Amino acid sequence: SAIVFNALIIPLLVPLALRGVRYRALGATALLR
């Protein structure tokens, strides 16, 4: 189960990796939080 999840999470995150995390004009502390 751990190995299967480890593999499947990669294609599930591909759209996010290519589209990018939505950026908001916040300060560094707020972004980190």
PDB file of all heavy atoms in Angstrom:
ATOM      1  N   SER A   1       0.829  -1.207   0.000  1.00  0.00           N
ATOM      2  CA  SER A   1       0.000   0.000   0.000  1.00  0.00           C
ATOM      3  C   SER A   1       0.863   1.255   0.000  1.00  0.00           C
ATOM      4  O   SER A   1       0.571   2.235  -0.700  1.00  0.00           O
ATOM      5  CB  SER A   1      -0.924   0.006   1.218  1.00  0.00           C
ATOM      6  OG  SER A   1      -1.809  -1.096   1.184  1.00  0.00           O
ATOM      7  N   ALA A   2       1.932   1.227   0.803  1.00  0.00           N
ATOM      8  CA  ALA A   2       2.825   2.388   0.849  1.00  0.00           C
ATOM      9  C   ALA A   2       3.524   2.599  -0.487  1.00  0.00           C
ATOM     10  O   ALA A   2       3.655   3.740  -0.967  1.00  0.00           O
ATOM     11  CB  ALA A   2       3.855   2.213   1.963  1.00  0.00           C
ATOM     12  N   ILE A   3       3.974   1.515  -1.115  1.00  0.00           N
ATOM     13  CA  ILE A   3       4.670   1.623  -2.400  1.00  0.00           C
ATOM     14  C   ILE A   3       3.710   2.079  -3.503  1.00  0.00           C
ATOM     15  O   ILE A   3       4.071   2.895  -4.358  1.00  0.00           O
ATOM     16  CB  ILE A   3       5.321   0.271  -2.769  1.00  0.00           C
ATOM     17  CG1 ILE A   3       6.482  -0.023  -1.813  1.00  0.00           C
ATOM     18  CG2 ILE A   3       5.825   0.279  -4.201  1.00  0.00           C
ATOM     19  CD1 ILE A   3       7.599   1.002  -1.881  1.00  0.00           C
ATOM     20  N   VAL A   4       2.477   1.554  -3.491  1.00  0.00           N
ATOM     21  CA  VAL A   4       1.487   1.953  -4.504  1.00  0.00           C
ATOM     22  C   VAL A   4       1.154   3.437  -4.356  1.00  0.00           C
ATOM     23  O   VAL A   4       1.102   4.182  -5.339  1.00  0.00           O
ATOM     24  CB  VAL A   4       0.210   1.091  -4.388  1.00  0.00           C
ATOM     25  CG1 VAL A   4      -0.900   1.655  -5.274  1.00  0.00           C
ATOM     26  CG2 VAL A   4       0.508  -0.357  -4.784  1.00  0.00           C
ATOM     27  N   PHE A   5       0.933   3.887  -3.119  1.00  0.00           N
ATOM     28  CA  PHE A   5       0.642   5.304  -2.902  1.00  0.00           C
ATOM     29  C   PHE A   5       1.821   6.160  -3.347  1.00  0.00           C
ATOM     30  O   PHE A   5       1.649   7.215  -3.968  1.00  0.00           O
ATOM     31  CB  PHE A   5       0.339   5.568  -1.423  1.00  0.00           C
ATOM     32  CG  PHE A   5       0.112   7.026  -1.123  1.00  0.00           C
ATOM     33  CD1 PHE A   5      -1.138   7.584  -1.296  1.00  0.00           C
ATOM     34  CD2 PHE A   5       1.160   7.841  -0.690  1.00  0.00           C
ATOM     35  CE1 PHE A   5      -1.347   8.935  -1.037  1.00  0.00           C
ATOM     36  CE2 PHE A   5       0.957   9.183  -0.433  1.00  0.00           C
ATOM     37  CZ  PHE A   5      -0.297   9.729  -0.605  1.00  0.00           C
ATOM     38  N   ASN A   6       3.011   5.712  -3.020  1.00  0.00           N
ATOM     39  CA  ASN A   6       4.222   6.436  -3.385  1.00  0.00           C
ATOM     40  C   ASN A   6       4.324   6.633  -4.895  1.00  0.00           C
ATOM     41  O   ASN A   6       4.804   7.673  -5.372  1.00  0.00           O
ATOM     42  CB  ASN A   6       5.441   5.665  -2.875  1.00  0.00           C
ATOM     43  CG  ASN A   6       6.713   6.486  -2.925  1.00  0.00           C
ATOM     44  OD1 ASN A   6       6.817   7.507  -2.276  1.00  0.00           O
ATOM     45  ND2 ASN A   6       7.674   6.029  -3.715  1.00  0.00           N
ATOM     46  N   ALA A   7       3.853   5.649  -5.663  1.00  0.00           N
ATOM     47  CA  ALA A   7       3.897   5.747  -7.131  1.00  0.00           C
ATOM     48  C   ALA A   7       2.751   6.594  -7.665  1.00  0.00           C
ATOM     49  O   ALA A   7       2.937   7.446  -8.538  1.00  0.00           O
ATOM     50  CB  ALA A   7       3.858   4.351  -7.748  1.00  0.00           C
ATOM     51  N   LEU A   8       1.531   6.378  -7.144  1.00  0.00           N
ATOM     52  CA  LEU A   8       0.358   7.050  -7.698  1.00  0.00           C
ATOM     53  C   LEU A   8       0.331   8.546  -7.413  1.00  0.00           C
ATOM     54  O   LEU A   8      -0.261   9.308  -8.190  1.00  0.00           O
ATOM     55  CB  LEU A   8      -0.921   6.408  -7.138  1.00  0.00           C
ATOM     56  CG  LEU A   8      -1.231   4.985  -7.602  1.00  0.00           C
ATOM     57  CD1 LEU A   8      -2.522   4.494  -6.959  1.00  0.00           C
ATOM     58  CD2 LEU A   8      -1.345   4.928  -9.127  1.00  0.00           C
ATOM     59  N   ILE A   9       0.951   8.964  -6.317  1.00  0.00           N
ATOM     60  CA  ILE A   9       0.904  10.386  -5.987  1.00  0.00           C
ATOM     61  C   ILE A   9       1.642  11.218  -7.032  1.00  0.00           C
ATOM     62  O   ILE A   9       1.339  12.415  -7.223  1.00  0.00           O
ATOM     63  CB  ILE A   9       1.499  10.639  -4.574  1.00  0.00           C
ATOM     64  CG1 ILE A   9       1.076  12.011  -4.056  1.00  0.00           C
ATOM     65  CG2 ILE A   9       3.008  10.497  -4.573  1.00  0.00           C
ATOM     66  CD1 ILE A   9      -0.398  12.176  -3.835  1.00  0.00           C
ATOM     67  N   ILE A  10       2.589  10.625  -7.746  1.00  0.00           N
ATOM     68  CA  ILE A  10       3.365  11.375  -8.746  1.00  0.00           C
ATOM     69  C   ILE A  10       2.479  11.837  -9.904  1.00  0.00           C
ATOM     70  O   ILE A  10       2.410  13.040 -10.191  1.00  0.00           O
ATOM     71  CB  ILE A  10       4.567  10.543  -9.242  1.00  0.00           C
ATOM     72  CG1 ILE A  10       5.543  10.317  -8.085  1.00  0.00           C
ATOM     73  CG2 ILE A  10       5.269  11.240 -10.407  1.00  0.00           C
ATOM     74  CD1 ILE A  10       6.665   9.348  -8.404  1.00  0.00           C
ATOM     75  N   PRO A  11       1.766  10.937 -10.625  1.00  0.00           N
ATOM     76  CA  PRO A  11       0.907  11.434 -11.710  1.00  0.00           C
ATOM     77  C   PRO A  11      -0.224  12.327 -11.211  1.00  0.00           C
ATOM     78  O   PRO A  11      -0.677  13.211 -11.944  1.00  0.00           O
ATOM     79  CB  PRO A  11       0.368  10.153 -12.353  1.00  0.00           C
ATOM     80  CG  PRO A  11       0.541   9.084 -11.335  1.00  0.00           C
ATOM     81  CD  PRO A  11       1.749   9.460 -10.562  1.00  0.00           C
ATOM     82  N   LEU A  12      -0.679  12.118  -9.961  1.00  0.00           N
ATOM     83  CA  LEU A  12      -1.739  12.972  -9.434  1.00  0.00           C
ATOM     84  C   LEU A  12      -1.255  14.413  -9.242  1.00  0.00           C
ATOM     85  O   LEU A  12      -2.053  15.354  -9.329  1.00  0.00           O
ATOM     86  CB  LEU A  12      -2.254  12.415  -8.102  1.00  0.00           C
ATOM     87  CG  LEU A  12      -3.040  11.095  -8.182  1.00  0.00           C
ATOM     88  CD1 LEU A  12      -3.412  10.617  -6.783  1.00  0.00           C
ATOM     89  CD2 LEU A  12      -4.291  11.264  -9.036  1.00  0.00           C
ATOM     90  N   LEU A  13       0.047  14.572  -8.984  1.00  0.00           N
ATOM     91  CA  LEU A  13       0.593  15.910  -8.766  1.00  0.00           C
ATOM     92  C   LEU A  13       1.164  16.538 -10.038  1.00  0.00           C
ATOM     93  O   LEU A  13       1.554  17.712 -10.012  1.00  0.00           O
ATOM     94  CB  LEU A  13       1.680  15.867  -7.690  1.00  0.00           C
ATOM     95  CG  LEU A  13       1.207  15.603  -6.260  1.00  0.00           C
ATOM     96  CD1 LEU A  13       2.413  15.471  -5.332  1.00  0.00           C
ATOM     97  CD2 LEU A  13       0.292  16.714  -5.774  1.00  0.00           C
ATOM     98  N   VAL A  14       1.218  15.790 -11.129  1.00  0.00           N
ATOM     99  CA  VAL A  14       1.776  16.327 -12.374  1.00  0.00           C
ATOM    100  C   VAL A  14       1.050  17.595 -12.836  1.00  0.00           C
ATOM    101  O   VAL A  14       1.690  18.600 -13.172  1.00  0.00           O
ATOM    102  CB  VAL A  14       1.787  15.258 -13.485  1.00  0.00           C
ATOM    103  CG1 VAL A  14       2.019  15.892 -14.854  1.00  0.00           C
ATOM    104  CG2 VAL A  14       2.877  14.231 -13.225  1.00  0.00           C
ATOM    105  N   PRO A  15      -0.307  17.623 -12.886  1.00  0.00           N
ATOM    106  CA  PRO A  15      -0.973  18.863 -13.314  1.00  0.00           C
ATOM    107  C   PRO A  15      -0.600  20.065 -12.445  1.00  0.00           C
ATOM    108  O   PRO A  15      -0.415  21.172 -12.955  1.00  0.00           O
ATOM    109  CB  PRO A  15      -2.470  18.522 -13.186  1.00  0.00           C
ATOM    110  CG  PRO A  15      -2.534  17.037 -13.319  1.00  0.00           C
ATOM    111  CD  PRO A  15      -1.287  16.541 -12.643  1.00  0.00           C
ATOM    112  N   LEU A  16      -0.473  19.846 -11.131  1.00  0.00           N
ATOM    113  CA  LEU A  16      -0.100  20.943 -10.238  1.00  0.00           C
ATOM    114  C   LEU A  16       1.326  21.399 -10.519  1.00  0.00           C
ATOM    115  O   LEU A  16       1.618  22.599 -10.530  1.00  0.00           O
ATOM    116  CB  LEU A  16      -0.239  20.508  -8.778  1.00  0.00           C
ATOM    117  CG  LEU A  16       0.127  21.557  -7.724  1.00  0.00           C
ATOM    118  CD1 LEU A  16      -0.802  22.755  -7.824  1.00  0.00           C
ATOM    119  CD2 LEU A  16       0.070  20.953  -6.324  1.00  0.00           C
ATOM    120  N   ALA A  17       2.227  20.451 -10.754  1.00  0.00           N
ATOM    121  CA  ALA A  17       3.627  20.796 -11.030  1.00  0.00           C
ATOM    122  C   ALA A  17       3.753  21.605 -12.320  1.00  0.00           C
ATOM    123  O   ALA A  17       4.543  22.548 -12.396  1.00  0.00           O
ATOM    124  CB  ALA A  17       4.474  19.525 -11.115  1.00  0.00           C
ATOM    125  N   LEU A  18       2.970  21.249 -13.337  1.00  0.00           N
ATOM    126  CA  LEU A  18       3.071  21.933 -14.622  1.00  0.00           C
ATOM    127  C   LEU A  18       2.282  23.236 -14.645  1.00  0.00           C
ATOM    128  O   LEU A  18       2.689  24.203 -15.281  1.00  0.00           O
ATOM    129  CB  LEU A  18       2.592  21.012 -15.745  1.00  0.00           C
ATOM    130  CG  LEU A  18       3.374  19.702 -15.914  1.00  0.00           C
ATOM    131  CD1 LEU A  18       2.932  18.969 -17.160  1.00  0.00           C
ATOM    132  CD2 LEU A  18       4.878  19.964 -15.971  1.00  0.00           C
ATOM    133  N   ARG A  19       1.154  23.248 -13.960  1.00  0.00           N
ATOM    134  CA  ARG A  19       0.350  24.475 -13.905  1.00  0.00           C
ATOM    135  C   ARG A  19       0.943  25.462 -12.914  1.00  0.00           C
ATOM    136  O   ARG A  19       0.891  26.679 -13.106  1.00  0.00           O
ATOM    137  CB  ARG A  19      -1.083  24.132 -13.515  1.00  0.00           C
ATOM    138  CG  ARG A  19      -2.047  25.327 -13.548  1.00  0.00           C
ATOM    139  CD  ARG A  19      -3.457  24.924 -13.168  1.00  0.00           C
ATOM    140  NE  ARG A  19      -3.530  24.445 -11.796  1.00  0.00           N
ATOM    141  CZ  ARG A  19      -3.755  23.191 -11.441  1.00  0.00           C
ATOM    142  NH1 ARG A  19      -3.912  22.263 -12.376  1.00  0.00           N
ATOM    143  NH2 ARG A  19      -3.814  22.839 -10.172  1.00  0.00           N
ATOM    144  N   GLY A  20       1.527  24.943 -11.836  1.00  0.00           N
ATOM    145  CA  GLY A  20       2.115  25.782 -10.807  1.00  0.00           C
ATOM    146  C   GLY A  20       1.148  26.059  -9.676  1.00  0.00           C
ATOM    147  O   GLY A  20      -0.064  26.141  -9.878  1.00  0.00           O
ATOM    148  N   VAL A  21       1.694  26.178  -8.483  1.00  0.00           N
ATOM    149  CA  VAL A  21       0.890  26.556  -7.327  1.00  0.00           C
ATOM    150  C   VAL A  21       0.446  28.001  -7.505  1.00  0.00           C
ATOM    151  O   VAL A  21       1.242  28.865  -7.893  1.00  0.00           O
ATOM    152  CB  VAL A  21       1.702  26.409  -6.021  1.00  0.00           C
ATOM    153  CG1 VAL A  21       0.925  26.954  -4.832  1.00  0.00           C
ATOM    154  CG2 VAL A  21       2.062  24.948  -5.802  1.00  0.00           C
ATOM    155  N   ARG A  22      -0.804  28.268  -7.241  1.00  0.00           N
ATOM    156  CA  ARG A  22      -1.322  29.623  -7.418  1.00  0.00           C
ATOM    157  C   ARG A  22      -0.561  30.606  -6.543  1.00  0.00           C
ATOM    158  O   ARG A  22      -0.391  30.391  -5.352  1.00  0.00           O
ATOM    159  CB  ARG A  22      -2.814  29.660  -7.070  1.00  0.00           C
ATOM    160  CG  ARG A  22      -3.452  31.034  -7.294  1.00  0.00           C
ATOM    161  CD  ARG A  22      -4.899  31.025  -6.872  1.00  0.00           C
ATOM    162  NE  ARG A  22      -5.482  32.356  -6.991  1.00  0.00           N
ATOM    163  CZ  ARG A  22      -6.690  32.687  -6.572  1.00  0.00           C
ATOM    164  NH1 ARG A  22      -7.456  31.761  -6.008  1.00  0.00           N
ATOM    165  NH2 ARG A  22      -7.151  33.907  -6.711  1.00  0.00           N
ATOM    166  N   TYR A  23      -0.087  31.669  -7.183  1.00  0.00           N
ATOM    167  CA  TYR A  23       0.696  32.658  -6.438  1.00  0.00           C
ATOM    168  C   TYR A  23      -0.199  33.801  -5.970  1.00  0.00           C
ATOM    169  O   TYR A  23      -1.031  34.301  -6.727  1.00  0.00           O
ATOM    170  CB  TYR A  23       1.826  33.219  -7.302  1.00  0.00           C
ATOM    171  CG  TYR A  23       2.561  34.338  -6.611  1.00  0.00           C
ATOM    172  CD1 TYR A  23       3.362  34.076  -5.514  1.00  0.00           C
ATOM    173  CD2 TYR A  23       2.412  35.656  -7.026  1.00  0.00           C
ATOM    174  CE1 TYR A  23       4.014  35.092  -4.845  1.00  0.00           C
ATOM    175  CE2 TYR A  23       3.061  36.681  -6.366  1.00  0.00           C
ATOM    176  CZ  TYR A  23       3.858  36.395  -5.286  1.00  0.00           C
ATOM    177  OH  TYR A  23       4.496  37.395  -4.617  1.00  0.00           O
ATOM    178  N   ARG A  24      -0.014  34.202  -4.731  1.00  0.00           N
ATOM    179  CA  ARG A  24      -0.706  35.353  -4.178  1.00  0.00           C
ATOM    180  C   ARG A  24       0.317  36.338  -3.642  1.00  0.00           C
ATOM    181  O   ARG A  24       1.333  35.931  -3.089  1.00  0.00           O
ATOM    182  CB  ARG A  24      -1.655  34.929  -3.047  1.00  0.00           C
ATOM    183  CG  ARG A  24      -2.795  34.037  -3.519  1.00  0.00           C
ATOM    184  CD  ARG A  24      -3.681  33.634  -2.352  1.00  0.00           C
ATOM    185  NE  ARG A  24      -4.766  32.753  -2.781  1.00  0.00           N
ATOM    186  CZ  ARG A  24      -5.638  32.195  -1.947  1.00  0.00           C
ATOM    187  NH1 ARG A  24      -5.539  32.427  -0.655  1.00  0.00           N
ATOM    188  NH2 ARG A  24      -6.590  31.414  -2.413  1.00  0.00           N
ATOM    189  N   ALA A  25       0.022  37.611  -3.835  1.00  0.00           N
ATOM    190  CA  ALA A  25       0.953  38.660  -3.412  1.00  0.00           C
ATOM    191  C   ALA A  25       0.892  38.832  -1.902  1.00  0.00           C
ATOM    192  O   ALA A  25       0.251  39.732  -1.372  1.00  0.00           O
ATOM    193  CB  ALA A  25       0.613  39.966  -4.112  1.00  0.00           C
ATOM    194  N   LEU A  26       1.569  37.927  -1.198  1.00  0.00           N
ATOM    195  CA  LEU A  26       1.622  37.979   0.261  1.00  0.00           C
ATOM    196  C   LEU A  26       3.078  38.123   0.697  1.00  0.00           C
ATOM    197  O   LEU A  26       3.996  37.898  -0.081  1.00  0.00           O
ATOM    198  CB  LEU A  26       1.023  36.700   0.864  1.00  0.00           C
ATOM    199  CG  LEU A  26      -0.417  36.360   0.475  1.00  0.00           C
ATOM    200  CD1 LEU A  26      -0.776  34.987   1.012  1.00  0.00           C
ATOM    201  CD2 LEU A  26      -1.388  37.404   0.989  1.00  0.00           C
ATOM    202  N   GLY A  27       3.282  38.492   1.930  1.00  0.00           N
ATOM    203  CA  GLY A  27       4.634  38.563   2.467  1.00  0.00           C
ATOM    204  C   GLY A  27       5.241  37.184   2.623  1.00  0.00           C
ATOM    205  O   GLY A  27       4.545  36.161   2.585  1.00  0.00           O
ATOM    206  N   ALA A  28       6.564  37.140   2.802  1.00  0.00           N
ATOM    207  CA  ALA A  28       7.269  35.861   2.896  1.00  0.00           C
ATOM    208  C   ALA A  28       6.765  35.030   4.078  1.00  0.00           C
ATOM    209  O   ALA A  28       6.572  33.811   3.959  1.00  0.00           O
ATOM    210  CB  ALA A  28       8.767  36.109   3.027  1.00  0.00           C
ATOM    211  N   THR A  29       6.513  35.675   5.211  1.00  0.00           N
ATOM    212  CA  THR A  29       6.035  34.946   6.395  1.00  0.00           C
ATOM    213  C   THR A  29       4.661  34.341   6.146  1.00  0.00           C
ATOM    214  O   THR A  29       4.403  33.179   6.486  1.00  0.00           O
ATOM    215  CB  THR A  29       5.980  35.884   7.609  1.00  0.00           C
ATOM    216  OG1 THR A  29       7.280  36.455   7.817  1.00  0.00           O
ATOM    217  CG2 THR A  29       5.547  35.132   8.856  1.00  0.00           C
ATOM    218  N   ALA A  30       3.771  35.133   5.537  1.00  0.00           N
ATOM    219  CA  ALA A  30       2.420  34.647   5.252  1.00  0.00           C
ATOM    220  C   ALA A  30       2.449  33.502   4.246  1.00  0.00           C
ATOM    221  O   ALA A  30       1.708  32.521   4.382  1.00  0.00           O
ATOM    222  CB  ALA A  30       1.547  35.791   4.733  1.00  0.00           C
ATOM    223  N   LEU A  31       3.319  33.608   3.235  1.00  0.00           N
ATOM    224  CA  LEU A  31       3.432  32.533   2.245  1.00  0.00           C
ATOM    225  C   LEU A  31       3.954  31.252   2.889  1.00  0.00           C
ATOM    226  O   LEU A  31       3.465  30.151   2.597  1.00  0.00           O
ATOM    227  CB  LEU A  31       4.364  32.960   1.107  1.00  0.00           C
ATOM    228  CG  LEU A  31       3.773  33.896   0.048  1.00  0.00           C
ATOM    229  CD1 LEU A  31       4.853  34.358  -0.912  1.00  0.00           C
ATOM    230  CD2 LEU A  31       2.649  33.208  -0.714  1.00  0.00           C
ATOM    231  N   LEU A  32       4.968  31.392   3.765  1.00  0.00           N
ATOM    232  CA  LEU A  32       5.519  30.218   4.436  1.00  0.00           C
ATOM    233  C   LEU A  32       4.457  29.550   5.303  1.00  0.00           C
ATOM    234  O   LEU A  32       4.310  28.321   5.287  1.00  0.00           O
ATOM    235  CB  LEU A  32       6.721  30.637   5.297  1.00  0.00           C
ATOM    236  CG  LEU A  32       7.385  29.514   6.101  1.00  0.00           C
ATOM    237  CD1 LEU A  32       7.929  28.441   5.178  1.00  0.00           C
ATOM    238  CD2 LEU A  32       8.493  30.083   6.983  1.00  0.00           C
ATOM    239  N   ARG A  33       3.713  30.351   6.048  1.00  0.00           N
ATOM    240  CA  ARG A  33       2.665  29.804   6.905  1.00  0.00           C
ATOM    241  C   ARG A  33       1.602  29.090   6.067  1.00  0.00           C
ATOM    242  O   ARG A  33       1.161  27.994   6.413  1.00  0.00           O
ATOM    243  CB  ARG A  33       2.029  30.928   7.725  1.00  0.00           C
ATOM    244  CG  ARG A  33       1.046  30.439   8.788  1.00  0.00           C
ATOM    245  CD  ARG A  33       0.320  31.599   9.458  1.00  0.00           C
ATOM    246  NE  ARG A  33       1.250  32.609   9.938  1.00  0.00           N
ATOM    247  CZ  ARG A  33       1.302  33.855   9.453  1.00  0.00           C
ATOM    248  NH1 ARG A  33       0.480  34.222   8.496  1.00  0.00           N
ATOM    249  NH2 ARG A  33       2.163  34.723   9.955  1.00  0.00           N
TER     250      ARG A  33
END
